[in-house]
């Protein structure tokens, strides 16, 4: 059986992993929005993504 301290450490790690996953998801969604936008103003002539701002609140 895990001790309370072990359980809290695992919970803390889980919360950290959730934050990492949310950030990765947000970045992936932003790339999809850019690539599927009708005017595609954020994609250059070679269909390469241009840099974009990351929402620091999710980091």
PDB file of N, CA and C in Angstrom:
ATOM      1  N   UNK A   1       0.834  -1.194   0.000  1.00  0.00           N
ATOM      2  CA  UNK A   1       0.000   0.000   0.000  1.00  0.00           C
ATOM      3  C   UNK A   1       0.872   1.249   0.000  1.00  0.00           C
ATOM      4  N   UNK A   2       0.421   2.240  -0.742  1.00  0.00           N
ATOM      5  CA  UNK A   2       1.153   3.496  -0.823  1.00  0.00           C
ATOM      6  C   UNK A   2       0.858   4.351   0.402  1.00  0.00           C
ATOM      7  N   UNK A   3       1.862   5.057   0.837  1.00  0.00           N
ATOM      8  CA  UNK A   3       1.665   5.981   1.953  1.00  0.00           C
ATOM      9  C   UNK A   3       0.986   7.248   1.437  1.00  0.00           C
ATOM     10  N   UNK A   4       0.521   8.061   2.346  1.00  0.00           N
ATOM     11  CA  UNK A   4      -0.102   9.324   1.965  1.00  0.00           C
ATOM     12  C   UNK A   4       0.883  10.188   1.184  1.00  0.00           C
ATOM     13  N   UNK A   5       2.126  10.212   1.633  1.00  0.00           N
ATOM     14  CA  UNK A   5       3.145  11.012   0.942  1.00  0.00           C
ATOM     15  C   UNK A   5       3.376  10.494  -0.480  1.00  0.00           C
ATOM     16  N   UNK A   6       3.446   9.171  -0.646  1.00  0.00           N
ATOM     17  CA  UNK A   6       3.600   8.591  -1.986  1.00  0.00           C
ATOM     18  C   UNK A   6       2.416   8.969  -2.875  1.00  0.00           C
ATOM     19  N   UNK A   7       1.229   8.887  -2.315  1.00  0.00           N
ATOM     20  CA  UNK A   7       0.022   9.226  -3.071  1.00  0.00           C
ATOM     21  C   UNK A   7       0.035  10.685  -3.498  1.00  0.00           C
ATOM     22  N   UNK A   8       0.458  11.571  -2.613  1.00  0.00           N
ATOM     23  CA  UNK A   8       0.525  12.992  -2.950  1.00  0.00           C
ATOM     24  C   UNK A   8       1.574  13.262  -4.019  1.00  0.00           C
ATOM     25  N   UNK A   9       2.696  12.574  -3.966  1.00  0.00           N
ATOM     26  CA  UNK A   9       3.725  12.720  -4.999  1.00  0.00           C
ATOM     27  C   UNK A   9       3.187  12.271  -6.349  1.00  0.00           C
ATOM     28  N   UNK A  10       2.483  11.151  -6.372  1.00  0.00           N
ATOM     29  CA  UNK A  10       1.911  10.648  -7.619  1.00  0.00           C
ATOM     30  C   UNK A  10       0.842  11.602  -8.149  1.00  0.00           C
ATOM     31  N   UNK A  11       0.040  12.148  -7.253  1.00  0.00           N
ATOM     32  CA  UNK A  11      -0.976  13.114  -7.654  1.00  0.00           C
ATOM     33  C   UNK A  11      -0.319  14.354  -8.260  1.00  0.00           C
ATOM     34  N   UNK A  12       0.728  14.844  -7.616  1.00  0.00           N
ATOM     35  CA  UNK A  12       1.447  16.016  -8.108  1.00  0.00           C
ATOM     36  C   UNK A  12       2.030  15.753  -9.493  1.00  0.00           C
ATOM     37  N   UNK A  13       2.596  14.581  -9.674  1.00  0.00           N
ATOM     38  CA  UNK A  13       3.141  14.211 -10.989  1.00  0.00           C
ATOM     39  C   UNK A  13       2.026  14.162 -12.033  1.00  0.00           C
ATOM     40  N   UNK A  14       0.886  13.622 -11.654  1.00  0.00           N
ATOM     41  CA  UNK A  14      -0.253  13.566 -12.572  1.00  0.00           C
ATOM     42  C   UNK A  14      -0.717  14.945 -12.997  1.00  0.00           C
ATOM     43  N   UNK A  15      -0.773  15.868 -12.053  1.00  0.00           N
ATOM     44  CA  UNK A  15      -1.174  17.240 -12.365  1.00  0.00           C
ATOM     45  C   UNK A  15      -0.170  17.867 -13.333  1.00  0.00           C
ATOM     46  N   UNK A  16       1.108  17.630 -13.107  1.00  0.00           N
ATOM     47  CA  UNK A  16       2.143  18.157 -13.992  1.00  0.00           C
ATOM     48  C   UNK A  16       2.012  17.569 -15.399  1.00  0.00           C
ATOM     49  N   UNK A  17       1.742  16.277 -15.481  1.00  0.00           N
ATOM     50  CA  UNK A  17       1.571  15.632 -16.785  1.00  0.00           C
ATOM     51  C   UNK A  17       0.345  16.176 -17.516  1.00  0.00           C
ATOM     52  N   UNK A  18      -0.719  16.447 -16.781  1.00  0.00           N
ATOM     53  CA  UNK A  18      -1.919  17.023 -17.394  1.00  0.00           C
ATOM     54  C   UNK A  18      -1.592  18.378 -18.009  1.00  0.00           C
ATOM     55  N   UNK A  19      -0.823  19.203 -17.298  1.00  0.00           N
ATOM     56  CA  UNK A  19      -0.434  20.513 -17.832  1.00  0.00           C
ATOM     57  C   UNK A  19       0.380  20.349 -19.109  1.00  0.00           C
ATOM     58  N   UNK A  20       1.328  19.407 -19.107  1.00  0.00           N
ATOM     59  CA  UNK A  20       2.141  19.159 -20.296  1.00  0.00           C
ATOM     60  C   UNK A  20       1.276  18.714 -21.470  1.00  0.00           C
ATOM     61  N   UNK A  21       0.323  17.829 -21.192  1.00  0.00           N
ATOM     62  CA  UNK A  21      -0.562  17.327 -22.249  1.00  0.00           C
ATOM     63  C   UNK A  21      -1.450  18.434 -22.803  1.00  0.00           C
ATOM     64  N   UNK A  22      -1.958  19.287 -21.928  1.00  0.00           N
ATOM     65  CA  UNK A  22      -2.800  20.399 -22.386  1.00  0.00           C
ATOM     66  C   UNK A  22      -2.014  21.340 -23.279  1.00  0.00           C
ATOM     67  N   UNK A  23      -0.772  21.611 -22.915  1.00  0.00           N
ATOM     68  CA  UNK A  23       0.066  22.484 -23.727  1.00  0.00           C
ATOM     69  C   UNK A  23       0.329  21.855 -25.094  1.00  0.00           C
ATOM     70  N   UNK A  24       0.661  20.570 -25.112  1.00  0.00           N
ATOM     71  CA  UNK A  24       0.907  19.878 -26.381  1.00  0.00           C
ATOM     72  C   UNK A  24      -0.353  19.876 -27.241  1.00  0.00           C
ATOM     73  N   UNK A  25      -1.504  19.666 -26.628  1.00  0.00           N
ATOM     74  CA  UNK A  25      -2.767  19.674 -27.358  1.00  0.00           C
ATOM     75  C   UNK A  25      -3.055  21.052 -27.929  1.00  0.00           C
ATOM     76  N   UNK A  26      -2.849  22.083 -27.135  1.00  0.00           N
ATOM     77  CA  UNK A  26      -3.071  23.451 -27.602  1.00  0.00           C
ATOM     78  C   UNK A  26      -2.170  23.769 -28.793  1.00  0.00           C
ATOM     79  N   UNK A  27      -0.912  23.367 -28.727  1.00  0.00           N
ATOM     80  CA  UNK A  27       0.011  23.616 -29.835  1.00  0.00           C
ATOM     81  C   UNK A  27      -0.424  22.849 -31.080  1.00  0.00           C
ATOM     82  N   UNK A  28      -0.858  21.616 -30.902  1.00  0.00           N
ATOM     83  CA  UNK A  28      -1.333  20.822 -32.036  1.00  0.00           C
ATOM     84  C   UNK A  28      -2.583  21.424 -32.656  1.00  0.00           C
ATOM     85  N   UNK A  29      -3.510  21.868 -31.826  1.00  0.00           N
ATOM     86  CA  UNK A  29      -4.732  22.490 -32.329  1.00  0.00           C
ATOM     87  C   UNK A  29      -4.412  23.773 -33.089  1.00  0.00           C
ATOM     88  N   UNK A  30      -3.456  24.534 -32.599  1.00  0.00           N
ATOM     89  CA  UNK A  30      -3.068  25.769 -33.283  1.00  0.00           C
ATOM     90  C   UNK A  30      -2.488  25.456 -34.658  1.00  0.00           C
ATOM     91  N   UNK A  31      -1.676  24.425 -34.756  1.00  0.00           N
ATOM     92  CA  UNK A  31      -1.117  24.041 -36.057  1.00  0.00           C
ATOM     93  C   UNK A  31      -2.220  23.633 -37.019  1.00  0.00           C
ATOM     94  N   UNK A  32      -3.200  22.878 -36.525  1.00  0.00           N
ATOM     95  CA  UNK A  32      -4.322  22.463 -37.376  1.00  0.00           C
ATOM     96  C   UNK A  32      -5.113  23.682 -37.833  1.00  0.00           C
ATOM     97  N   UNK A  33      -5.378  24.632 -36.932  1.00  0.00           N
ATOM     98  CA  UNK A  33      -6.095  25.855 -37.307  1.00  0.00           C
ATOM     99  C   UNK A  33      -5.353  26.610 -38.407  1.00  0.00           C
ATOM    100  N   UNK A  34      -4.047  26.702 -38.256  1.00  0.00           N
ATOM    101  CA  UNK A  34      -3.245  27.419 -39.249  1.00  0.00           C
ATOM    102  C   UNK A  34      -3.310  26.713 -40.594  1.00  0.00           C
ATOM    103  N   UNK A  35      -3.132  25.411 -40.583  1.00  0.00           N
ATOM    104  CA  UNK A  35      -3.101  24.661 -41.838  1.00  0.00           C
ATOM    105  C   UNK A  35      -4.458  24.579 -42.525  1.00  0.00           C
ATOM    106  N   UNK A  36      -5.531  24.673 -41.767  1.00  0.00           N
ATOM    107  CA  UNK A  36      -6.865  24.539 -42.358  1.00  0.00           C
ATOM    108  C   UNK A  36      -7.587  25.869 -42.512  1.00  0.00           C
ATOM    109  N   UNK A  37      -6.926  26.975 -42.195  1.00  0.00           N
ATOM    110  CA  UNK A  37      -7.585  28.276 -42.340  1.00  0.00           C
ATOM    111  C   UNK A  37      -7.795  28.579 -43.820  1.00  0.00           C
ATOM    112  N   UNK A  38      -8.947  29.168 -44.163  1.00  0.00           N
ATOM    113  CA  UNK A  38      -9.256  29.435 -45.575  1.00  0.00           C
ATOM    114  C   UNK A  38      -8.230  30.329 -46.262  1.00  0.00           C
ATOM    115  N   UNK A  39      -7.740  31.333 -45.567  1.00  0.00           N
ATOM    116  CA  UNK A  39      -6.784  32.238 -46.210  1.00  0.00           C
ATOM    117  C   UNK A  39      -5.341  31.799 -46.005  1.00  0.00           C
ATOM    118  N   UNK A  40      -5.098  30.920 -45.035  1.00  0.00           N
ATOM    119  CA  UNK A  40      -3.765  30.361 -44.772  1.00  0.00           C
ATOM    120  C   UNK A  40      -2.686  31.433 -44.756  1.00  0.00           C
ATOM    121  N   UNK A  41      -2.965  32.544 -44.088  1.00  0.00           N
ATOM    122  CA  UNK A  41      -1.996  33.642 -44.064  1.00  0.00           C
ATOM    123  C   UNK A  41      -0.779  33.322 -43.205  1.00  0.00           C
ATOM    124  N   UNK A  42      -0.877  32.296 -42.365  1.00  0.00           N
ATOM    125  CA  UNK A  42       0.244  31.947 -41.504  1.00  0.00           C
ATOM    126  C   UNK A  42       1.099  30.825 -42.083  1.00  0.00           C
ATOM    127  N   UNK A  43       0.885  30.500 -43.339  1.00  0.00           N
ATOM    128  CA  UNK A  43       1.666  29.459 -44.001  1.00  0.00           C
ATOM    129  C   UNK A  43       2.391  30.119 -45.164  1.00  0.00           C
ATOM    130  N   UNK A  44       3.682  29.854 -45.294  1.00  0.00           N
ATOM    131  CA  UNK A  44       4.428  30.497 -46.369  1.00  0.00           C
ATOM    132  C   UNK A  44       4.246  29.741 -47.689  1.00  0.00           C
ATOM    133  N   UNK A  45       4.943  30.155 -48.728  1.00  0.00           N
ATOM    134  CA  UNK A  45       4.779  29.571 -50.059  1.00  0.00           C
ATOM    135  C   UNK A  45       5.117  28.083 -50.126  1.00  0.00           C
ATOM    136  N   UNK A  46       5.947  27.599 -49.231  1.00  0.00           N
ATOM    137  CA  UNK A  46       6.344  26.186 -49.226  1.00  0.00           C
ATOM    138  C   UNK A  46       5.474  25.358 -48.281  1.00  0.00           C
ATOM    139  N   UNK A  47       4.342  25.906 -47.844  1.00  0.00           N
ATOM    140  CA  UNK A  47       3.446  25.234 -46.898  1.00  0.00           C
ATOM    141  C   UNK A  47       4.136  24.883 -45.590  1.00  0.00           C
ATOM    142  N   UNK A  48       5.077  25.714 -45.175  1.00  0.00           N
ATOM    143  CA  UNK A  48       5.740  25.527 -43.887  1.00  0.00           C
ATOM    144  C   UNK A  48       5.069  26.438 -42.872  1.00  0.00           C
ATOM    145  N   UNK A  49       4.917  25.934 -41.665  1.00  0.00           N
ATOM    146  CA  UNK A  49       4.322  26.752 -40.611  1.00  0.00           C
ATOM    147  C   UNK A  49       5.257  27.886 -40.230  1.00  0.00           C
ATOM    148  N   UNK A  50       4.677  29.033 -39.986  1.00  0.00           N
ATOM    149  CA  UNK A  50       5.425  30.156 -39.458  1.00  0.00           C
ATOM    150  C   UNK A  50       5.269  30.154 -37.941  1.00  0.00           C
ATOM    151  N   UNK A  51       6.215  30.716 -37.207  1.00  0.00           N
ATOM    152  CA  UNK A  51       6.125  30.720 -35.735  1.00  0.00           C
ATOM    153  C   UNK A  51       4.851  31.410 -35.254  1.00  0.00           C
ATOM    154  N   UNK A  52       4.342  30.948 -34.114  1.00  0.00           N
ATOM    155  CA  UNK A  52       3.172  31.572 -33.510  1.00  0.00           C
ATOM    156  C   UNK A  52       3.367  31.684 -32.012  1.00  0.00           C
ATOM    157  N   UNK A  53       2.590  32.553 -31.407  1.00  0.00           N
ATOM    158  CA  UNK A  53       2.674  32.766 -29.965  1.00  0.00           C
ATOM    159  C   UNK A  53       2.050  31.585 -29.234  1.00  0.00           C
ATOM    160  N   UNK A  54       2.678  31.168 -28.142  1.00  0.00           N
ATOM    161  CA  UNK A  54       2.143  30.104 -27.297  1.00  0.00           C
ATOM    162  C   UNK A  54       1.425  30.746 -26.122  1.00  0.00           C
ATOM    163  N   UNK A  55       0.255  30.239 -25.804  1.00  0.00           N
ATOM    164  CA  UNK A  55      -0.516  30.754 -24.676  1.00  0.00           C
ATOM    165  C   UNK A  55       0.193  30.366 -23.386  1.00  0.00           C
ATOM    166  N   UNK A  56       0.884  31.323 -22.770  1.00  0.00           N
ATOM    167  CA  UNK A  56       1.687  31.050 -21.572  1.00  0.00           C
ATOM    168  C   UNK A  56       0.832  30.681 -20.359  1.00  0.00           C
ATOM    169  N   UNK A  57      -0.454  31.032 -20.372  1.00  0.00           N
ATOM    170  CA  UNK A  57      -1.320  30.693 -19.250  1.00  0.00           C
ATOM    171  C   UNK A  57      -1.476  29.183 -19.110  1.00  0.00           C
ATOM    172  N   UNK A  58      -1.346  28.452 -20.211  1.00  0.00           N
ATOM    173  CA  UNK A  58      -1.494  26.997 -20.172  1.00  0.00           C
ATOM    174  C   UNK A  58      -0.196  26.302 -19.818  1.00  0.00           C
ATOM    175  N   UNK A  59       0.899  27.031 -19.871  1.00  0.00           N
ATOM    176  CA  UNK A  59       2.204  26.413 -19.606  1.00  0.00           C
ATOM    177  C   UNK A  59       2.414  26.179 -18.134  1.00  0.00           C
TER     178      UNK A  59
END
